[in-house]
Amino acid sequence: MSKTRREFSPEFKRETVALLESSGRPLMQVATEVGISPSMLRNWRLAIRGGKPTSRATAPTGLSPLPSPADQASEITRLRRELDRTRMERDVLKKAIGIFAEVPR
């Protein structure tokens, strides 16, 4: 009994490699999601790049530059306010659980 060999279009190969490079997910995960073996996806990536492997140290294309310090400061302030509000909600819910957990007389 022989297996039938699956063939994929060049467009499918390019789109899959583009998904791998743009998503930032591991090769194994993308290969599993698409339904191909990791070695096949690795070979496609090498073929599309012209046989030139890239190091993991290079940043994937499509990433935005780091936010400015002012943007980071405003984001930190927003997150701290959100954290305070969430803590307050948690405390209220803890008190409510205590009230509802009491046995009625």
PDB file of N, CA and C in Angstrom:
ATOM      1  N   MET A   1       0.846  -1.170   0.000  1.00  0.00           N
ATOM      2  CA  MET A   1       0.000   0.000   0.000  1.00  0.00           C
ATOM      3  C   MET A   1       0.896   1.239   0.000  1.00  0.00           C
ATOM      4  N   SER A   2       0.639   2.151  -0.913  1.00  0.00           N
ATOM      5  CA  SER A   2       1.462   3.353  -0.996  1.00  0.00           C
ATOM      6  C   SER A   2       0.649   4.580  -0.639  1.00  0.00           C
ATOM      7  N   LYS A   3       1.334   5.559  -0.087  1.00  0.00           N
ATOM      8  CA  LYS A   3       0.670   6.816   0.250  1.00  0.00           C
ATOM      9  C   LYS A   3       0.628   7.699  -0.987  1.00  0.00           C
ATOM     10  N   THR A   4      -0.430   8.467  -1.111  1.00  0.00           N
ATOM     11  CA  THR A   4      -0.471   9.442  -2.192  1.00  0.00           C
ATOM     12  C   THR A   4       0.238  10.693  -1.727  1.00  0.00           C
ATOM     13  N   ARG A   5       1.020  11.237  -2.600  1.00  0.00           N
ATOM     14  CA  ARG A   5       1.804  12.417  -2.254  1.00  0.00           C
ATOM     15  C   ARG A   5       0.952  13.663  -2.457  1.00  0.00           C
ATOM     16  N   ARG A   6       0.874  14.484  -1.424  1.00  0.00           N
ATOM     17  CA  ARG A   6       0.111  15.728  -1.532  1.00  0.00           C
ATOM     18  C   ARG A   6       0.967  16.769  -2.229  1.00  0.00           C
ATOM     19  N   GLU A   7       0.344  17.553  -3.080  1.00  0.00           N
ATOM     20  CA  GLU A   7       1.046  18.635  -3.753  1.00  0.00           C
ATOM     21  C   GLU A   7       0.375  19.949  -3.387  1.00  0.00           C
ATOM     22  N   PHE A   8       1.188  20.954  -3.154  1.00  0.00           N
ATOM     23  CA  PHE A   8       0.693  22.256  -2.759  1.00  0.00           C
ATOM     24  C   PHE A   8       1.100  23.289  -3.799  1.00  0.00           C
ATOM     25  N   SER A   9       0.216  24.234  -4.029  1.00  0.00           N
ATOM     26  CA  SER A   9       0.499  25.271  -5.018  1.00  0.00           C
ATOM     27  C   SER A   9       1.579  26.216  -4.490  1.00  0.00           C
ATOM     28  N   PRO A  10       2.313  26.848  -5.410  1.00  0.00           N
ATOM     29  CA  PRO A  10       3.320  27.826  -4.973  1.00  0.00           C
ATOM     30  C   PRO A  10       2.709  28.957  -4.148  1.00  0.00           C
ATOM     31  N   GLU A  11       1.484  29.339  -4.485  1.00  0.00           N
ATOM     32  CA  GLU A  11       0.816  30.404  -3.732  1.00  0.00           C
ATOM     33  C   GLU A  11       0.572  29.980  -2.293  1.00  0.00           C
ATOM     34  N   PHE A  12       0.108  28.732  -2.099  1.00  0.00           N
ATOM     35  CA  PHE A  12      -0.128  28.217  -0.751  1.00  0.00           C
ATOM     36  C   PHE A  12       1.171  28.205   0.048  1.00  0.00           C
ATOM     37  N   LYS A  13       2.256  27.796  -0.602  1.00  0.00           N
ATOM     38  CA  LYS A  13       3.550  27.753   0.074  1.00  0.00           C
ATOM     39  C   LYS A  13       3.984  29.148   0.501  1.00  0.00           C
ATOM     40  N   ARG A  14       3.858  30.121  -0.403  1.00  0.00           N
ATOM     41  CA  ARG A  14       4.240  31.501  -0.071  1.00  0.00           C
ATOM     42  C   ARG A  14       3.396  32.049   1.069  1.00  0.00           C
ATOM     43  N   GLU A  15       2.075  31.803   1.016  1.00  0.00           N
ATOM     44  CA  GLU A  15       1.189  32.309   2.066  1.00  0.00           C
ATOM     45  C   GLU A  15       1.506  31.664   3.417  1.00  0.00           C
ATOM     46  N   THR A  16       1.830  30.377   3.403  1.00  0.00           N
ATOM     47  CA  THR A  16       2.153  29.688   4.655  1.00  0.00           C
ATOM     48  C   THR A  16       3.451  30.216   5.247  1.00  0.00           C
ATOM     49  N   VAL A  17       4.457  30.435   4.412  1.00  0.00           N
ATOM     50  CA  VAL A  17       5.723  30.983   4.893  1.00  0.00           C
ATOM     51  C   VAL A  17       5.512  32.410   5.397  1.00  0.00           C
ATOM     52  N   ALA A  18       4.676  33.185   4.694  1.00  0.00           N
ATOM     53  CA  ALA A  18       4.386  34.554   5.144  1.00  0.00           C
ATOM     54  C   ALA A  18       3.684  34.522   6.500  1.00  0.00           C
ATOM     55  N   LEU A  19       2.768  33.577   6.690  1.00  0.00           N
ATOM     56  CA  LEU A  19       2.083  33.429   7.982  1.00  0.00           C
ATOM     57  C   LEU A  19       3.093  33.111   9.073  1.00  0.00           C
ATOM     58  N   LEU A  20       4.012  32.210   8.789  1.00  0.00           N
ATOM     59  CA  LEU A  20       5.042  31.839   9.760  1.00  0.00           C
ATOM     60  C   LEU A  20       5.874  33.050  10.157  1.00  0.00           C
ATOM     61  N   GLU A  21       6.295  33.824   9.187  1.00  0.00           N
ATOM     62  CA  GLU A  21       7.192  34.941   9.471  1.00  0.00           C
ATOM     63  C   GLU A  21       6.479  36.132  10.102  1.00  0.00           C
ATOM     64  N   SER A  22       5.214  36.336   9.770  1.00  0.00           N
ATOM     65  CA  SER A  22       4.514  37.504  10.300  1.00  0.00           C
ATOM     66  C   SER A  22       3.868  37.241  11.663  1.00  0.00           C
ATOM     67  N   SER A  23       3.555  35.983  11.956  1.00  0.00           N
ATOM     68  CA  SER A  23       2.830  35.698  13.196  1.00  0.00           C
ATOM     69  C   SER A  23       3.730  35.658  14.423  1.00  0.00           C
ATOM     70  N   GLY A  24       5.002  35.333  14.243  1.00  0.00           N
ATOM     71  CA  GLY A  24       5.894  35.228  15.387  1.00  0.00           C
ATOM     72  C   GLY A  24       5.699  33.947  16.170  1.00  0.00           C
ATOM     73  N   ARG A  25       4.846  33.058  15.669  1.00  0.00           N
ATOM     74  CA  ARG A  25       4.615  31.779  16.340  1.00  0.00           C
ATOM     75  C   ARG A  25       5.681  30.773  15.930  1.00  0.00           C
ATOM     76  N   PRO A  26       5.890  29.749  16.746  1.00  0.00           N
ATOM     77  CA  PRO A  26       6.884  28.736  16.412  1.00  0.00           C
ATOM     78  C   PRO A  26       6.522  27.978  15.138  1.00  0.00           C
ATOM     79  N   LEU A  27       7.552  27.519  14.434  1.00  0.00           N
ATOM     80  CA  LEU A  27       7.367  26.772  13.198  1.00  0.00           C
ATOM     81  C   LEU A  27       6.484  25.553  13.427  1.00  0.00           C
ATOM     82  N   MET A  28       6.702  24.844  14.515  1.00  0.00           N
ATOM     83  CA  MET A  28       5.903  23.637  14.810  1.00  0.00           C
ATOM     84  C   MET A  28       4.417  23.962  14.905  1.00  0.00           C
ATOM     85  N   GLN A  29       4.085  25.064  15.560  1.00  0.00           N
ATOM     86  CA  GLN A  29       2.688  25.438  15.750  1.00  0.00           C
ATOM     87  C   GLN A  29       2.033  25.781  14.421  1.00  0.00           C
ATOM     88  N   VAL A  30       2.710  26.563  13.593  1.00  0.00           N
ATOM     89  CA  VAL A  30       2.149  26.950  12.301  1.00  0.00           C
ATOM     90  C   VAL A  30       1.984  25.725  11.418  1.00  0.00           C
ATOM     91  N   ALA A  31       2.977  24.841  11.409  1.00  0.00           N
ATOM     92  CA  ALA A  31       2.898  23.633  10.588  1.00  0.00           C
ATOM     93  C   ALA A  31       1.718  22.766  11.011  1.00  0.00           C
ATOM     94  N   THR A  32       1.517  22.627  12.303  1.00  0.00           N
ATOM     95  CA  THR A  32       0.398  21.825  12.810  1.00  0.00           C
ATOM     96  C   THR A  32      -0.934  22.451  12.424  1.00  0.00           C
ATOM     97  N   GLU A  33      -1.042  23.770  12.548  1.00  0.00           N
ATOM     98  CA  GLU A  33      -2.289  24.453  12.207  1.00  0.00           C
ATOM     99  C   GLU A  33      -2.634  24.295  10.731  1.00  0.00           C
ATOM    100  N   VAL A  34      -1.610  24.314   9.879  1.00  0.00           N
ATOM    101  CA  VAL A  34      -1.830  24.224   8.441  1.00  0.00           C
ATOM    102  C   VAL A  34      -1.994  22.773   8.001  1.00  0.00           C
ATOM    103  N   GLY A  35      -1.487  21.842   8.804  1.00  0.00           N
ATOM    104  CA  GLY A  35      -1.643  20.430   8.483  1.00  0.00           C
ATOM    105  C   GLY A  35      -0.503  19.865   7.656  1.00  0.00           C
ATOM    106  N   ILE A  36       0.687  20.390   7.852  1.00  0.00           N
ATOM    107  CA  ILE A  36       1.861  19.875   7.151  1.00  0.00           C
ATOM    108  C   ILE A  36       2.941  19.557   8.166  1.00  0.00           C
ATOM    109  N   SER A  37       3.968  18.850   7.722  1.00  0.00           N
ATOM    110  CA  SER A  37       5.049  18.511   8.647  1.00  0.00           C
ATOM    111  C   SER A  37       5.962  19.726   8.818  1.00  0.00           C
ATOM    112  N   PRO A  38       6.557  19.851   9.996  1.00  0.00           N
ATOM    113  CA  PRO A  38       7.463  20.984  10.239  1.00  0.00           C
ATOM    114  C   PRO A  38       8.632  21.025   9.252  1.00  0.00           C
ATOM    115  N   SER A  39       9.154  19.856   8.879  1.00  0.00           N
ATOM    116  CA  SER A  39      10.286  19.848   7.944  1.00  0.00           C
ATOM    117  C   SER A  39       9.876  20.375   6.574  1.00  0.00           C
ATOM    118  N   MET A  40       8.637  20.105   6.175  1.00  0.00           N
ATOM    119  CA  MET A  40       8.158  20.612   4.889  1.00  0.00           C
ATOM    120  C   MET A  40       8.090  22.141   4.921  1.00  0.00           C
ATOM    121  N   LEU A  41       7.558  22.691   6.010  1.00  0.00           N
ATOM    122  CA  LEU A  41       7.470  24.139   6.134  1.00  0.00           C
ATOM    123  C   LEU A  41       8.865  24.762   6.186  1.00  0.00           C
ATOM    124  N   ARG A  42       9.780  24.116   6.890  1.00  0.00           N
ATOM    125  CA  ARG A  42      11.162  24.598   6.960  1.00  0.00           C
ATOM    126  C   ARG A  42      11.792  24.627   5.563  1.00  0.00           C
ATOM    127  N   ASN A  43      11.561  23.585   4.779  1.00  0.00           N
ATOM    128  CA  ASN A  43      12.091  23.530   3.413  1.00  0.00           C
ATOM    129  C   ASN A  43      11.478  24.624   2.538  1.00  0.00           C
ATOM    130  N   TRP A  44      10.188  24.862   2.670  1.00  0.00           N
ATOM    131  CA  TRP A  44       9.533  25.925   1.894  1.00  0.00           C
ATOM    132  C   TRP A  44      10.145  27.270   2.232  1.00  0.00           C
ATOM    133  N   ARG A  45      10.355  27.504   3.522  1.00  0.00           N
ATOM    134  CA  ARG A  45      10.919  28.784   3.962  1.00  0.00           C
ATOM    135  C   ARG A  45      12.317  28.982   3.369  1.00  0.00           C
ATOM    136  N   LEU A  46      13.118  27.934   3.406  1.00  0.00           N
ATOM    137  CA  LEU A  46      14.466  28.024   2.831  1.00  0.00           C
ATOM    138  C   LEU A  46      14.413  28.254   1.325  1.00  0.00           C
ATOM    139  N   ALA A  47      13.501  27.579   0.643  1.00  0.00           N
ATOM    140  CA  ALA A  47      13.393  27.733  -0.807  1.00  0.00           C
ATOM    141  C   ALA A  47      12.949  29.138  -1.179  1.00  0.00           C
ATOM    142  N   ILE A  48      12.015  29.697  -0.420  1.00  0.00           N
ATOM    143  CA  ILE A  48      11.511  31.041  -0.723  1.00  0.00           C
ATOM    144  C   ILE A  48      12.581  32.086  -0.454  1.00  0.00           C
ATOM    145  N   ARG A  49      13.382  31.876   0.572  1.00  0.00           N
ATOM    146  CA  ARG A  49      14.462  32.819   0.896  1.00  0.00           C
ATOM    147  C   ARG A  49      15.674  32.637  -0.014  1.00  0.00           C
ATOM    148  N   GLY A  50      15.625  31.673  -0.901  1.00  0.00           N
ATOM    149  CA  GLY A  50      16.767  31.427  -1.771  1.00  0.00           C
ATOM    150  C   GLY A  50      17.856  30.640  -1.079  1.00  0.00           C
ATOM    151  N   GLY A  51      17.476  29.806  -0.108  1.00  0.00           N
ATOM    152  CA  GLY A  51      18.449  28.983   0.595  1.00  0.00           C
ATOM    153  C   GLY A  51      19.240  29.723   1.643  1.00  0.00           C
ATOM    154  N   LYS A  52      18.786  30.918   2.000  1.00  0.00           N
ATOM    155  CA  LYS A  52      19.509  31.724   2.987  1.00  0.00           C
ATOM    156  C   LYS A  52      18.776  31.676   4.327  1.00  0.00           C
ATOM    157  N   PRO A  53      19.253  30.872   5.267  1.00  0.00           N
ATOM    158  CA  PRO A  53      18.597  30.865   6.575  1.00  0.00           C
ATOM    159  C   PRO A  53      18.901  32.167   7.308  1.00  0.00           C
ATOM    160  N   THR A  54      17.939  32.619   8.102  1.00  0.00           N
ATOM    161  CA  THR A  54      18.156  33.821   8.911  1.00  0.00           C
ATOM    162  C   THR A  54      18.334  33.400  10.353  1.00  0.00           C
ATOM    163  N   SER A  55      19.030  34.200  11.096  1.00  0.00           N
ATOM    164  CA  SER A  55      19.229  33.882  12.504  1.00  0.00           C
ATOM    165  C   SER A  55      18.001  34.312  13.289  1.00  0.00           C
ATOM    166  N   ARG A  56      17.859  33.748  14.461  1.00  0.00           N
ATOM    167  CA  ARG A  56      16.734  34.112  15.317  1.00  0.00           C
ATOM    168  C   ARG A  56      16.894  35.523  15.863  1.00  0.00           C
ATOM    169  N   ALA A  57      18.100  36.063  15.791  1.00  0.00           N
ATOM    170  CA  ALA A  57      18.355  37.390  16.347  1.00  0.00           C
ATOM    171  C   ALA A  57      17.750  38.486  15.476  1.00  0.00           C
ATOM    172  N   THR A  58      17.498  38.203  14.220  1.00  0.00           N
ATOM    173  CA  THR A  58      16.925  39.230  13.362  1.00  0.00           C
ATOM    174  C   THR A  58      15.455  39.386  13.668  1.00  0.00           C
ATOM    175  N   ALA A  59      15.006  40.606  13.675  1.00  0.00           N
ATOM    176  CA  ALA A  59      13.604  40.880  13.992  1.00  0.00           C
ATOM    177  C   ALA A  59      12.737  40.551  12.791  1.00  0.00           C
ATOM    178  N   PRO A  60      11.566  39.934  13.004  1.00  0.00           N
ATOM    179  CA  PRO A  60      10.667  39.660  11.900  1.00  0.00           C
ATOM    180  C   PRO A  60      10.166  40.967  11.291  1.00  0.00           C
ATOM    181  N   THR A  61       9.886  40.916  10.015  1.00  0.00           N
ATOM    182  CA  THR A  61       9.387  42.111   9.353  1.00  0.00           C
ATOM    183  C   THR A  61       7.972  42.402   9.819  1.00  0.00           C
ATOM    184  N   GLY A  62       7.581  43.655   9.742  1.00  0.00           N
ATOM    185  CA  GLY A  62       6.221  44.023  10.106  1.00  0.00           C
ATOM    186  C   GLY A  62       6.064  44.438  11.559  1.00  0.00           C
ATOM    187  N   LEU A  63       7.120  44.381  12.342  1.00  0.00           N
ATOM    188  CA  LEU A  63       7.007  44.810  13.729  1.00  0.00           C
ATOM    189  C   LEU A  63       7.125  46.324  13.806  1.00  0.00           C
ATOM    190  N   SER A  64       6.338  46.913  14.665  1.00  0.00           N
ATOM    191  CA  SER A  64       6.404  48.362  14.815  1.00  0.00           C
ATOM    192  C   SER A  64       7.578  48.721  15.723  1.00  0.00           C
ATOM    193  N   PRO A  65       8.106  49.924  15.581  1.00  0.00           N
ATOM    194  CA  PRO A  65       9.218  50.334  16.441  1.00  0.00           C
ATOM    195  C   PRO A  65       8.744  50.484  17.879  1.00  0.00           C
ATOM    196  N   LEU A  66       9.700  50.542  18.795  1.00  0.00           N
ATOM    197  CA  LEU A  66       9.359  50.691  20.204  1.00  0.00           C
ATOM    198  C   LEU A  66       8.628  52.008  20.443  1.00  0.00           C
ATOM    199  N   PRO A  67       7.643  51.995  21.352  1.00  0.00           N
ATOM    200  CA  PRO A  67       6.940  53.244  21.649  1.00  0.00           C
ATOM    201  C   PRO A  67       7.855  54.236  22.352  1.00  0.00           C
ATOM    202  N   SER A  68       7.511  55.489  22.242  1.00  0.00           N
ATOM    203  CA  SER A  68       8.320  56.537  22.867  1.00  0.00           C
ATOM    204  C   SER A  68       8.171  56.469  24.389  1.00  0.00           C
ATOM    205  N   PRO A  69       9.116  57.033  25.124  1.00  0.00           N
ATOM    206  CA  PRO A  69       9.014  57.034  26.594  1.00  0.00           C
ATOM    207  C   PRO A  69       7.728  57.705  27.092  1.00  0.00           C
ATOM    208  N   ALA A  70       7.273  58.745  26.402  1.00  0.00           N
ATOM    209  CA  ALA A  70       6.036  59.412  26.822  1.00  0.00           C
ATOM    210  C   ALA A  70       4.844  58.465  26.660  1.00  0.00           C
ATOM    211  N   ASP A  71       4.819  57.722  25.554  1.00  0.00           N
ATOM    212  CA  ASP A  71       3.741  56.752  25.341  1.00  0.00           C
ATOM    213  C   ASP A  71       3.796  55.649  26.389  1.00  0.00           C
ATOM    214  N   GLN A  72       5.008  55.203  26.706  1.00  0.00           N
ATOM    215  CA  GLN A  72       5.164  54.168  27.723  1.00  0.00           C
ATOM    216  C   GLN A  72       4.690  54.666  29.084  1.00  0.00           C
ATOM    217  N   ALA A  73       5.002  55.909  29.419  1.00  0.00           N
ATOM    218  CA  ALA A  73       4.587  56.465  30.706  1.00  0.00           C
ATOM    219  C   ALA A  73       3.067  56.565  30.797  1.00  0.00           C
ATOM    220  N   SER A  74       2.432  57.008  29.726  1.00  0.00           N
ATOM    221  CA  SER A  74       0.970  57.108  29.748  1.00  0.00           C
ATOM    222  C   SER A  74       0.332  55.725  29.826  1.00  0.00           C
ATOM    223  N   GLU A  75       0.946  54.740  29.173  1.00  0.00           N
ATOM    224  CA  GLU A  75       0.431  53.367  29.242  1.00  0.00           C
ATOM    225  C   GLU A  75       0.585  52.811  30.653  1.00  0.00           C
ATOM    226  N   ILE A  76       1.700  53.099  31.298  1.00  0.00           N
ATOM    227  CA  ILE A  76       1.910  52.641  32.673  1.00  0.00           C
ATOM    228  C   ILE A  76       0.876  53.274  33.605  1.00  0.00           C
ATOM    229  N   THR A  77       0.613  54.573  33.430  1.00  0.00           N
ATOM    230  CA  THR A  77      -0.386  55.263  34.250  1.00  0.00           C
ATOM    231  C   THR A  77      -1.766  54.642  34.048  1.00  0.00           C
ATOM    232  N   ARG A  78      -2.118  54.381  32.803  1.00  0.00           N
ATOM    233  CA  ARG A  78      -3.420  53.778  32.501  1.00  0.00           C
ATOM    234  C   ARG A  78      -3.525  52.394  33.131  1.00  0.00           C
ATOM    235  N   LEU A  79      -2.464  51.606  33.025  1.00  0.00           N
ATOM    236  CA  LEU A  79      -2.483  50.257  33.577  1.00  0.00           C
ATOM    237  C   LEU A  79      -2.559  50.269  35.102  1.00  0.00           C
ATOM    238  N   ARG A  80      -1.906  51.247  35.735  1.00  0.00           N
ATOM    239  CA  ARG A  80      -1.985  51.347  37.198  1.00  0.00           C
ATOM    240  C   ARG A  80      -3.402  51.689  37.648  1.00  0.00           C
ATOM    241  N   ARG A  81      -4.060  52.604  36.925  1.00  0.00           N
ATOM    242  CA  ARG A  81      -5.460  52.934  37.252  1.00  0.00           C
ATOM    243  C   ARG A  81      -6.341  51.696  37.082  1.00  0.00           C
ATOM    244  N   GLU A  82      -6.120  50.972  36.001  1.00  0.00           N
ATOM    245  CA  GLU A  82      -6.907  49.763  35.747  1.00  0.00           C
ATOM    246  C   GLU A  82      -6.661  48.725  36.841  1.00  0.00           C
ATOM    247  N   LEU A  83      -5.410  48.591  37.272  1.00  0.00           N
ATOM    248  CA  LEU A  83      -5.076  47.650  38.342  1.00  0.00           C
ATOM    249  C   LEU A  83      -5.765  48.037  39.648  1.00  0.00           C
ATOM    250  N   ASP A  84      -5.755  49.324  39.988  1.00  0.00           N
ATOM    251  CA  ASP A  84      -6.435  49.791  41.202  1.00  0.00           C
ATOM    252  C   ASP A  84      -7.926  49.490  41.140  1.00  0.00           C
ATOM    253  N   ARG A  85      -8.549  49.757  40.005  1.00  0.00           N
ATOM    254  CA  ARG A  85      -9.983  49.504  39.838  1.00  0.00           C
ATOM    255  C   ARG A  85     -10.273  48.001  39.956  1.00  0.00           C
ATOM    256  N   THR A  86      -9.420  47.177  39.376  1.00  0.00           N
ATOM    257  CA  THR A  86      -9.615  45.725  39.430  1.00  0.00           C
ATOM    258  C   THR A  86      -9.443  45.208  40.857  1.00  0.00           C
ATOM    259  N   ARG A  87      -8.473  45.740  41.576  1.00  0.00           N
ATOM    260  CA  ARG A  87      -8.292  45.345  42.973  1.00  0.00           C
ATOM    261  C   ARG A  87      -9.509  45.713  43.807  1.00  0.00           C
ATOM    262  N   MET A  88     -10.066  46.905  43.562  1.00  0.00           N
ATOM    263  CA  MET A  88     -11.248  47.335  44.297  1.00  0.00           C
ATOM    264  C   MET A  88     -12.423  46.395  43.994  1.00  0.00           C
ATOM    265  N   GLU A  89     -12.602  46.045  42.729  1.00  0.00           N
ATOM    266  CA  GLU A  89     -13.680  45.124  42.354  1.00  0.00           C
ATOM    267  C   GLU A  89     -13.493  43.773  43.028  1.00  0.00           C
ATOM    268  N   ARG A  90     -12.248  43.296  43.079  1.00  0.00           N
ATOM    269  CA  ARG A  90     -11.949  42.027  43.727  1.00  0.00           C
ATOM    270  C   ARG A  90     -12.318  42.075  45.204  1.00  0.00           C
ATOM    271  N   ASP A  91     -11.957  43.174  45.873  1.00  0.00           N
ATOM    272  CA  ASP A  91     -12.262  43.305  47.300  1.00  0.00           C
ATOM    273  C   ASP A  91     -13.766  43.322  47.546  1.00  0.00           C
ATOM    274  N   VAL A  92     -14.502  44.016  46.689  1.00  0.00           N
ATOM    275  CA  VAL A  92     -15.959  44.058  46.829  1.00  0.00           C
ATOM    276  C   VAL A  92     -16.542  42.662  46.636  1.00  0.00           C
ATOM    277  N   LEU A  93     -16.041  41.945  45.650  1.00  0.00           N
ATOM    278  CA  LEU A  93     -16.544  40.592  45.412  1.00  0.00           C
ATOM    279  C   LEU A  93     -16.219  39.652  46.565  1.00  0.00           C
ATOM    280  N   LYS A  94     -15.044  39.805  47.165  1.00  0.00           N
ATOM    281  CA  LYS A  94     -14.695  38.983  48.323  1.00  0.00           C
ATOM    282  C   LYS A  94     -15.678  39.229  49.467  1.00  0.00           C
ATOM    283  N   LYS A  95     -16.020  40.517  49.700  1.00  0.00           N
ATOM    284  CA  LYS A  95     -16.970  40.849  50.760  1.00  0.00           C
ATOM    285  C   LYS A  95     -18.352  40.274  50.442  1.00  0.00           C
ATOM    286  N   ALA A  96     -18.742  40.345  49.181  1.00  0.00           N
ATOM    287  CA  ALA A  96     -20.047  39.813  48.781  1.00  0.00           C
ATOM    288  C   ALA A  96     -20.104  38.308  48.990  1.00  0.00           C
ATOM    289  N   ILE A  97     -19.023  37.617  48.666  1.00  0.00           N
ATOM    290  CA  ILE A  97     -18.985  36.164  48.879  1.00  0.00           C
ATOM    291  C   ILE A  97     -19.132  35.857  50.359  1.00  0.00           C
ATOM    292  N   GLY A  98     -18.468  36.648  51.193  1.00  0.00           N
ATOM    293  CA  GLY A  98     -18.576  36.449  52.641  1.00  0.00           C
ATOM    294  C   GLY A  98     -19.994  36.657  53.125  1.00  0.00           C
ATOM    295  N   ILE A  99     -20.689  37.654  52.586  1.00  0.00           N
ATOM    296  CA  ILE A  99     -22.069  37.929  52.995  1.00  0.00           C
ATOM    297  C   ILE A  99     -22.986  36.804  52.539  1.00  0.00           C
ATOM    298  N   PHE A 100     -22.847  36.371  51.302  1.00  0.00           N
ATOM    299  CA  PHE A 100     -23.719  35.322  50.785  1.00  0.00           C
ATOM    300  C   PHE A 100     -23.396  33.954  51.360  1.00  0.00           C
ATOM    301  N   ALA A 101     -22.188  33.771  51.842  1.00  0.00           N
ATOM    302  CA  ALA A 101     -21.791  32.487  52.399  1.00  0.00           C
ATOM    303  C   ALA A 101     -22.303  32.309  53.827  1.00  0.00           C
ATOM    304  N   GLU A 102     -22.708  33.388  54.485  1.00  0.00           N
ATOM    305  CA  GLU A 102     -23.218  33.284  55.846  1.00  0.00           C
ATOM    306  C   GLU A 102     -24.518  32.495  55.853  1.00  0.00           C
ATOM    307  N   VAL A 103     -24.675  31.720  56.907  1.00  0.00           N
ATOM    308  CA  VAL A 103     -25.883  30.912  57.047  1.00  0.00           C
ATOM    309  C   VAL A 103     -26.994  31.807  57.575  1.00  0.00           C
ATOM    310  N   PRO A 104     -28.158  31.834  56.898  1.00  0.00           N
ATOM    311  CA  PRO A 104     -29.260  32.674  57.393  1.00  0.00           C
ATOM    312  C   PRO A 104     -29.813  32.117  58.706  1.00  0.00           C
ATOM    313  N   ARG A 105     -30.275  33.018  59.574  1.00  0.00           N
ATOM    314  CA  ARG A 105     -30.795  32.599  60.892  1.00  0.00           C
ATOM    315  C   ARG A 105     -32.266  32.443  60.877  1.00  0.00           C
TER     316      ARG A 105
END
